Amino acid sequence: RPRGVAFNGRGELYVSDATLHRILVYDGDGAYVRGFGSEGSGNGELFASEGLAFSSGGEVVVADTFSHRVQVFREDGTFV
């Protein structure tokens, strides 16, 4: 269940999926590239992620709704 979308500087589309508790990444042609995150409440884990955006430094900022927090990741999915 997609909830939020944002493009990085290279044209990749990042989608927050609240049902899968993951961030999915697609290339400019719409092909799946990678995903990151898993269900949970630890660092780097998501629970019903909703919106997302990119910081001015290129980090992915995710609204982790049911965990009541915002998490930050590198574009490759590494928790910051």
PDB file of N, CA and C in Angstrom:
ATOM      1  N   ARG A   1       0.830  -1.174   0.000  1.00  0.00           N
ATOM      2  CA  ARG A   1       0.000   0.000   0.000  1.00  0.00           C
ATOM      3  C   ARG A   1       0.882   1.247   0.000  1.00  0.00           C
ATOM      4  N   PRO A   2       1.116   1.831  -1.138  1.00  0.00           N
ATOM      5  CA  PRO A   2       1.950   3.031  -1.236  1.00  0.00           C
ATOM      6  C   PRO A   2       1.318   4.205  -0.494  1.00  0.00           C
ATOM      7  N   ARG A   3       2.161   4.938   0.223  1.00  0.00           N
ATOM      8  CA  ARG A   3       1.675   6.093   0.988  1.00  0.00           C
ATOM      9  C   ARG A   3       2.381   7.388   0.623  1.00  0.00           C
ATOM     10  N   GLY A   4       3.637   7.306   0.235  1.00  0.00           N
ATOM     11  CA  GLY A   4       4.378   8.510  -0.092  1.00  0.00           C
ATOM     12  C   GLY A   4       5.386   8.219  -1.186  1.00  0.00           C
ATOM     13  N   VAL A   5       5.723   9.232  -1.970  1.00  0.00           N
ATOM     14  CA  VAL A   5       6.695   9.076  -3.052  1.00  0.00           C
ATOM     15  C   VAL A   5       7.608  10.294  -3.106  1.00  0.00           C
ATOM     16  N   ALA A   6       8.838  10.049  -3.560  1.00  0.00           N
ATOM     17  CA  ALA A   6       9.791  11.145  -3.773  1.00  0.00           C
ATOM     18  C   ALA A   6      10.852  10.662  -4.755  1.00  0.00           C
ATOM     19  N   PHE A   7      11.361  11.582  -5.556  1.00  0.00           N
ATOM     20  CA  PHE A   7      12.436  11.283  -6.501  1.00  0.00           C
ATOM     21  C   PHE A   7      13.760  11.768  -5.933  1.00  0.00           C
ATOM     22  N   ASN A   8      14.813  10.971  -6.123  1.00  0.00           N
ATOM     23  CA  ASN A   8      16.143  11.439  -5.760  1.00  0.00           C
ATOM     24  C   ASN A   8      16.728  12.229  -6.928  1.00  0.00           C
ATOM     25  N   GLY A   9      17.953  12.707  -6.781  1.00  0.00           N
ATOM     26  CA  GLY A   9      18.581  13.535  -7.810  1.00  0.00           C
ATOM     27  C   GLY A   9      18.900  12.800  -9.093  1.00  0.00           C
ATOM     28  N   ARG A  10      18.897  11.461  -9.073  1.00  0.00           N
ATOM     29  CA  ARG A  10      19.172  10.670 -10.276  1.00  0.00           C
ATOM     30  C   ARG A  10      17.898  10.182 -10.949  1.00  0.00           C
ATOM     31  N   GLY A  11      16.758  10.617 -10.467  1.00  0.00           N
ATOM     32  CA  GLY A  11      15.497  10.224 -11.086  1.00  0.00           C
ATOM     33  C   GLY A  11      14.928   8.909 -10.601  1.00  0.00           C
ATOM     34  N   GLU A  12      15.502   8.328  -9.539  1.00  0.00           N
ATOM     35  CA  GLU A  12      14.926   7.112  -8.976  1.00  0.00           C
ATOM     36  C   GLU A  12      13.726   7.492  -8.104  1.00  0.00           C
ATOM     37  N   LEU A  13      12.707   6.669  -8.164  1.00  0.00           N
ATOM     38  CA  LEU A  13      11.483   6.907  -7.403  1.00  0.00           C
ATOM     39  C   LEU A  13      11.510   6.065  -6.133  1.00  0.00           C
ATOM     40  N   TYR A  14      11.359   6.712  -4.993  1.00  0.00           N
ATOM     41  CA  TYR A  14      11.279   6.047  -3.693  1.00  0.00           C
ATOM     42  C   TYR A  14       9.815   6.046  -3.259  1.00  0.00           C
ATOM     43  N   VAL A  15       9.333   4.881  -2.854  1.00  0.00           N
ATOM     44  CA  VAL A  15       7.930   4.722  -2.458  1.00  0.00           C
ATOM     45  C   VAL A  15       7.886   4.145  -1.049  1.00  0.00           C
ATOM     46  N   SER A  16       7.165   4.818  -0.146  1.00  0.00           N
ATOM     47  CA  SER A  16       6.963   4.242   1.186  1.00  0.00           C
ATOM     48  C   SER A  16       5.725   3.363   1.130  1.00  0.00           C
ATOM     49  N   ASP A  17       5.879   2.110   1.538  1.00  0.00           N
ATOM     50  CA  ASP A  17       4.781   1.148   1.512  1.00  0.00           C
ATOM     51  C   ASP A  17       4.408   0.794   2.950  1.00  0.00           C
ATOM     52  N   ALA A  18       3.241   1.267   3.387  1.00  0.00           N
ATOM     53  CA  ALA A  18       2.809   1.093   4.770  1.00  0.00           C
ATOM     54  C   ALA A  18       2.483  -0.352   5.099  1.00  0.00           C
ATOM     55  N   THR A  19       2.048  -1.133   4.134  1.00  0.00           N
ATOM     56  CA  THR A  19       1.693  -2.530   4.383  1.00  0.00           C
ATOM     57  C   THR A  19       2.931  -3.414   4.468  1.00  0.00           C
ATOM     58  N   LEU A  20       3.901  -3.170   3.589  1.00  0.00           N
ATOM     59  CA  LEU A  20       5.132  -3.962   3.585  1.00  0.00           C
ATOM     60  C   LEU A  20       6.154  -3.463   4.608  1.00  0.00           C
ATOM     61  N   HIS A  21       5.918  -2.240   5.148  1.00  0.00           N
ATOM     62  CA  HIS A  21       6.845  -1.624   6.112  1.00  0.00           C
ATOM     63  C   HIS A  21       8.230  -1.488   5.493  1.00  0.00           C
ATOM     64  N   ARG A  22       8.255  -1.057   4.238  1.00  0.00           N
ATOM     65  CA  ARG A  22       9.505  -0.940   3.484  1.00  0.00           C
ATOM     66  C   ARG A  22       9.492   0.310   2.615  1.00  0.00           C
ATOM     67  N   ILE A  23      10.678   0.681   2.191  1.00  0.00           N
ATOM     68  CA  ILE A  23      10.839   1.699   1.169  1.00  0.00           C
ATOM     69  C   ILE A  23      11.274   0.962  -0.092  1.00  0.00           C
ATOM     70  N   LEU A  24      10.551   1.171  -1.172  1.00  0.00           N
ATOM     71  CA  LEU A  24      10.843   0.520  -2.449  1.00  0.00           C
ATOM     72  C   LEU A  24      11.425   1.560  -3.400  1.00  0.00           C
ATOM     73  N   VAL A  25      12.406   1.155  -4.187  1.00  0.00           N
ATOM     74  CA  VAL A  25      13.090   2.072  -5.095  1.00  0.00           C
ATOM     75  C   VAL A  25      12.951   1.551  -6.525  1.00  0.00           C
ATOM     76  N   TYR A  26      12.574   2.455  -7.442  1.00  0.00           N
ATOM     77  CA  TYR A  26      12.387   2.122  -8.858  1.00  0.00           C
ATOM     78  C   TYR A  26      13.219   3.073  -9.701  1.00  0.00           C
ATOM     79  N   ASP A  27      13.720   2.567 -10.826  1.00  0.00           N
ATOM     80  CA  ASP A  27      14.484   3.431 -11.720  1.00  0.00           C
ATOM     81  C   ASP A  27      13.546   4.284 -12.570  1.00  0.00           C
ATOM     82  N   GLY A  28      14.122   5.111 -13.430  1.00  0.00           N
ATOM     83  CA  GLY A  28      13.341   6.027 -14.257  1.00  0.00           C
ATOM     84  C   GLY A  28      12.392   5.346 -15.219  1.00  0.00           C
ATOM     85  N   ASP A  29      12.633   4.062 -15.514  1.00  0.00           N
ATOM     86  CA  ASP A  29      11.750   3.300 -16.398  1.00  0.00           C
ATOM     87  C   ASP A  29      10.685   2.531 -15.630  1.00  0.00           C
ATOM     88  N   GLY A  30      10.718   2.630 -14.303  1.00  0.00           N
ATOM     89  CA  GLY A  30       9.725   1.943 -13.480  1.00  0.00           C
ATOM     90  C   GLY A  30      10.120   0.552 -13.027  1.00  0.00           C
ATOM     91  N   ALA A  31      11.360   0.140 -13.322  1.00  0.00           N
ATOM     92  CA  ALA A  31      11.829  -1.187 -12.903  1.00  0.00           C
ATOM     93  C   ALA A  31      12.282  -1.138 -11.441  1.00  0.00           C
ATOM     94  N   TYR A  32      11.951  -2.181 -10.704  1.00  0.00           N
ATOM     95  CA  TYR A  32      12.353  -2.289  -9.303  1.00  0.00           C
ATOM     96  C   TYR A  32      13.868  -2.365  -9.206  1.00  0.00           C
ATOM     97  N   VAL A  33      14.454  -1.565  -8.319  1.00  0.00           N
ATOM     98  CA  VAL A  33      15.899  -1.532  -8.132  1.00  0.00           C
ATOM     99  C   VAL A  33      16.297  -2.183  -6.806  1.00  0.00           C
ATOM    100  N   ARG A  34      15.652  -1.768  -5.726  1.00  0.00           N
ATOM    101  CA  ARG A  34      15.965  -2.290  -4.398  1.00  0.00           C
ATOM    102  C   ARG A  34      14.883  -1.853  -3.417  1.00  0.00           C
ATOM    103  N   GLY A  35      14.970  -2.405  -2.235  1.00  0.00           N
ATOM    104  CA  GLY A  35      14.079  -2.014  -1.155  1.00  0.00           C
ATOM    105  C   GLY A  35      14.847  -2.085   0.150  1.00  0.00           C
ATOM    106  N   PHE A  36      14.364  -1.373   1.151  1.00  0.00           N
ATOM    107  CA  PHE A  36      15.000  -1.458   2.462  1.00  0.00           C
ATOM    108  C   PHE A  36      13.959  -1.222   3.544  1.00  0.00           C
ATOM    109  N   GLY A  37      14.326  -1.665   4.740  1.00  0.00           N
ATOM    110  CA  GLY A  37      13.434  -1.593   5.878  1.00  0.00           C
ATOM    111  C   GLY A  37      12.719  -2.913   6.086  1.00  0.00           C
ATOM    112  N   SER A  38      12.274  -3.119   7.301  1.00  0.00           N
ATOM    113  CA  SER A  38      11.479  -4.283   7.658  1.00  0.00           C
ATOM    114  C   SER A  38      10.592  -3.884   8.829  1.00  0.00           C
ATOM    115  N   GLU A  39       9.594  -4.695   9.107  1.00  0.00           N
ATOM    116  CA  GLU A  39       8.662  -4.357  10.169  1.00  0.00           C
ATOM    117  C   GLU A  39       9.348  -4.446  11.531  1.00  0.00           C
ATOM    118  N   GLY A  40       9.145  -3.428  12.332  1.00  0.00           N
ATOM    119  CA  GLY A  40       9.699  -3.427  13.675  1.00  0.00           C
ATOM    120  C   GLY A  40       9.791  -2.025  14.241  1.00  0.00           C
ATOM    121  N   SER A  41      10.333  -1.935  15.438  1.00  0.00           N
ATOM    122  CA  SER A  41      10.428  -0.635  16.110  1.00  0.00           C
ATOM    123  C   SER A  41      11.871  -0.245  16.421  1.00  0.00           C
ATOM    124  N   GLY A  42      12.837  -1.012  15.925  1.00  0.00           N
ATOM    125  CA  GLY A  42      14.242  -0.688  16.141  1.00  0.00           C
ATOM    126  C   GLY A  42      14.749   0.312  15.111  1.00  0.00           C
ATOM    127  N   ASN A  43      15.978   0.738  15.279  1.00  0.00           N
ATOM    128  CA  ASN A  43      16.581   1.650  14.308  1.00  0.00           C
ATOM    129  C   ASN A  43      16.618   0.995  12.936  1.00  0.00           C
ATOM    130  N   GLY A  44      16.132   1.702  11.934  1.00  0.00           N
ATOM    131  CA  GLY A  44      16.103   1.183  10.572  1.00  0.00           C
ATOM    132  C   GLY A  44      14.904   0.304  10.267  1.00  0.00           C
ATOM    133  N   GLU A  45      14.105  -0.009  11.271  1.00  0.00           N
ATOM    134  CA  GLU A  45      12.875  -0.788  11.072  1.00  0.00           C
ATOM    135  C   GLU A  45      11.697   0.178  11.008  1.00  0.00           C
ATOM    136  N   LEU A  46      10.683  -0.205  10.259  1.00  0.00           N
ATOM    137  CA  LEU A  46       9.540   0.679  10.025  1.00  0.00           C
ATOM    138  C   LEU A  46       8.246  -0.003  10.445  1.00  0.00           C
ATOM    139  N   PHE A  47       7.295   0.816  10.854  1.00  0.00           N
ATOM    140  CA  PHE A  47       5.978   0.296  11.187  1.00  0.00           C
ATOM    141  C   PHE A  47       4.949   1.241  10.587  1.00  0.00           C
ATOM    142  N   ALA A  48       4.461   0.886   9.410  1.00  0.00           N
ATOM    143  CA  ALA A  48       3.478   1.678   8.657  1.00  0.00           C
ATOM    144  C   ALA A  48       4.058   3.023   8.234  1.00  0.00           C
ATOM    145  N   SER A  49       5.160   2.978   7.493  1.00  0.00           N
ATOM    146  CA  SER A  49       5.761   4.211   6.992  1.00  0.00           C
ATOM    147  C   SER A  49       4.788   4.925   6.065  1.00  0.00           C
ATOM    148  N   GLU A  50       4.680   6.204   6.230  1.00  0.00           N
ATOM    149  CA  GLU A  50       3.734   6.992   5.429  1.00  0.00           C
ATOM    150  C   GLU A  50       4.490   7.860   4.428  1.00  0.00           C
ATOM    151  N   GLY A  51       4.829   9.060   4.805  1.00  0.00           N
ATOM    152  CA  GLY A  51       5.468   9.978   3.878  1.00  0.00           C
ATOM    153  C   GLY A  51       6.973   9.849   3.882  1.00  0.00           C
ATOM    154  N   LEU A  52       7.583  10.390   2.834  1.00  0.00           N
ATOM    155  CA  LEU A  52       9.037  10.467   2.785  1.00  0.00           C
ATOM    156  C   LEU A  52       9.447  11.648   1.934  1.00  0.00           C
ATOM    157  N   ALA A  53      10.681  12.086   2.160  1.00  0.00           N
ATOM    158  CA  ALA A  53      11.233  13.220   1.421  1.00  0.00           C
ATOM    159  C   ALA A  53      12.748  13.083   1.442  1.00  0.00           C
ATOM    160  N   PHE A  54      13.413  13.870   0.598  1.00  0.00           N
ATOM    161  CA  PHE A  54      14.859  13.900   0.589  1.00  0.00           C
ATOM    162  C   PHE A  54      15.339  15.175   1.255  1.00  0.00           C
ATOM    163  N   SER A  55      16.366  15.035   2.092  1.00  0.00           N
ATOM    164  CA  SER A  55      16.988  16.200   2.717  1.00  0.00           C
ATOM    165  C   SER A  55      17.861  16.901   1.678  1.00  0.00           C
ATOM    166  N   SER A  56      18.334  18.081   2.016  1.00  0.00           N
ATOM    167  CA  SER A  56      19.215  18.809   1.095  1.00  0.00           C
ATOM    168  C   SER A  56      20.529  18.062   0.889  1.00  0.00           C
ATOM    169  N   GLY A  57      20.876  17.163   1.823  1.00  0.00           N
ATOM    170  CA  GLY A  57      22.088  16.368   1.701  1.00  0.00           C
ATOM    171  C   GLY A  57      21.876  15.042   1.002  1.00  0.00           C
ATOM    172  N   GLY A  58      20.657  14.798   0.519  1.00  0.00           N
ATOM    173  CA  GLY A  58      20.370  13.573  -0.220  1.00  0.00           C
ATOM    174  C   GLY A  58      19.955  12.393   0.633  1.00  0.00           C
ATOM    175  N   GLU A  59      19.716  12.609   1.916  1.00  0.00           N
ATOM    176  CA  GLU A  59      19.256  11.527   2.777  1.00  0.00           C
ATOM    177  C   GLU A  59      17.746  11.361   2.656  1.00  0.00           C
ATOM    178  N   VAL A  60      17.281  10.138   2.876  1.00  0.00           N
ATOM    179  CA  VAL A  60      15.854   9.827   2.805  1.00  0.00           C
ATOM    180  C   VAL A  60      15.271   9.980   4.208  1.00  0.00           C
ATOM    181  N   VAL A  61      14.309  10.859   4.345  1.00  0.00           N
ATOM    182  CA  VAL A  61      13.658  11.126   5.624  1.00  0.00           C
ATOM    183  C   VAL A  61      12.276  10.486   5.571  1.00  0.00           C
ATOM    184  N   VAL A  62      12.001   9.556   6.497  1.00  0.00           N
ATOM    185  CA  VAL A  62      10.778   8.749   6.457  1.00  0.00           C
ATOM    186  C   VAL A  62       9.935   8.993   7.697  1.00  0.00           C
ATOM    187  N   ALA A  63       8.651   9.259   7.490  1.00  0.00           N
ATOM    188  CA  ALA A  63       7.691   9.360   8.589  1.00  0.00           C
ATOM    189  C   ALA A  63       7.273   7.942   8.962  1.00  0.00           C
ATOM    190  N   ASP A  64       7.753   7.479  10.107  1.00  0.00           N
ATOM    191  CA  ASP A  64       7.478   6.131  10.600  1.00  0.00           C
ATOM    192  C   ASP A  64       6.266   6.225  11.532  1.00  0.00           C
ATOM    193  N   THR A  65       5.094   6.171  10.941  1.00  0.00           N
ATOM    194  CA  THR A  65       3.845   6.579  11.573  1.00  0.00           C
ATOM    195  C   THR A  65       3.542   5.907  12.902  1.00  0.00           C
ATOM    196  N   PHE A  66       3.417   4.599  12.919  1.00  0.00           N
ATOM    197  CA  PHE A  66       2.973   3.935  14.141  1.00  0.00           C
ATOM    198  C   PHE A  66       4.082   3.816  15.185  1.00  0.00           C
ATOM    199  N   SER A  67       5.317   4.123  14.806  1.00  0.00           N
ATOM    200  CA  SER A  67       6.400   4.183  15.785  1.00  0.00           C
ATOM    201  C   SER A  67       6.556   5.604  16.331  1.00  0.00           C
ATOM    202  N   HIS A  68       5.762   6.534  15.771  1.00  0.00           N
ATOM    203  CA  HIS A  68       5.734   7.928  16.243  1.00  0.00           C
ATOM    204  C   HIS A  68       7.109   8.590  16.187  1.00  0.00           C
ATOM    205  N   ARG A  69       7.753   8.458  15.020  1.00  0.00           N
ATOM    206  CA  ARG A  69       9.080   9.037  14.861  1.00  0.00           C
ATOM    207  C   ARG A  69       9.380   9.288  13.396  1.00  0.00           C
ATOM    208  N   VAL A  70      10.465   9.975  13.175  1.00  0.00           N
ATOM    209  CA  VAL A  70      11.010  10.187  11.838  1.00  0.00           C
ATOM    210  C   VAL A  70      12.371   9.506  11.811  1.00  0.00           C
ATOM    211  N   GLN A  71      12.643   8.750  10.742  1.00  0.00           N
ATOM    212  CA  GLN A  71      13.930   8.081  10.604  1.00  0.00           C
ATOM    213  C   GLN A  71      14.645   8.603   9.357  1.00  0.00           C
ATOM    214  N   VAL A  72      15.952   8.534   9.398  1.00  0.00           N
ATOM    215  CA  VAL A  72      16.769   9.029   8.289  1.00  0.00           C
ATOM    216  C   VAL A  72      17.660   7.898   7.790  1.00  0.00           C
ATOM    217  N   PHE A  73      17.707   7.772   6.456  1.00  0.00           N
ATOM    218  CA  PHE A  73      18.499   6.731   5.795  1.00  0.00           C
ATOM    219  C   PHE A  73      19.349   7.350   4.704  1.00  0.00           C
ATOM    220  N   ARG A  74      20.443   6.685   4.371  1.00  0.00           N
ATOM    221  CA  ARG A  74      21.169   7.027   3.146  1.00  0.00           C
ATOM    222  C   ARG A  74      20.365   6.471   1.979  1.00  0.00           C
ATOM    223  N   GLU A  75      20.679   6.892   0.780  1.00  0.00           N
ATOM    224  CA  GLU A  75      19.926   6.432  -0.387  1.00  0.00           C
ATOM    225  C   GLU A  75      20.010   4.922  -0.582  1.00  0.00           C
ATOM    226  N   ASP A  76      21.078   4.293  -0.081  1.00  0.00           N
ATOM    227  CA  ASP A  76      21.204   2.843  -0.224  1.00  0.00           C
ATOM    228  C   ASP A  76      20.433   2.076   0.862  1.00  0.00           C
ATOM    229  N   GLY A  77      19.776   2.804   1.772  1.00  0.00           N
ATOM    230  CA  GLY A  77      18.966   2.173   2.809  1.00  0.00           C
ATOM    231  C   GLY A  77      19.643   2.033   4.147  1.00  0.00           C
ATOM    232  N   THR A  78      20.890   2.488   4.257  1.00  0.00           N
ATOM    233  CA  THR A  78      21.598   2.428   5.522  1.00  0.00           C
ATOM    234  C   THR A  78      21.003   3.417   6.504  1.00  0.00           C
ATOM    235  N   PHE A  79      20.684   2.948   7.702  1.00  0.00           N
ATOM    236  CA  PHE A  79      20.146   3.830   8.738  1.00  0.00           C
ATOM    237  C   PHE A  79      21.220   4.819   9.175  1.00  0.00           C
ATOM    238  N   VAL A  80      20.822   6.073   9.342  1.00  0.00           N
ATOM    239  CA  VAL A  80      21.758   7.125   9.767  1.00  0.00           C
ATOM    240  C   VAL A  80      21.512   7.438  11.232  1.00  0.00           C
TER     241      VAL A  80
END
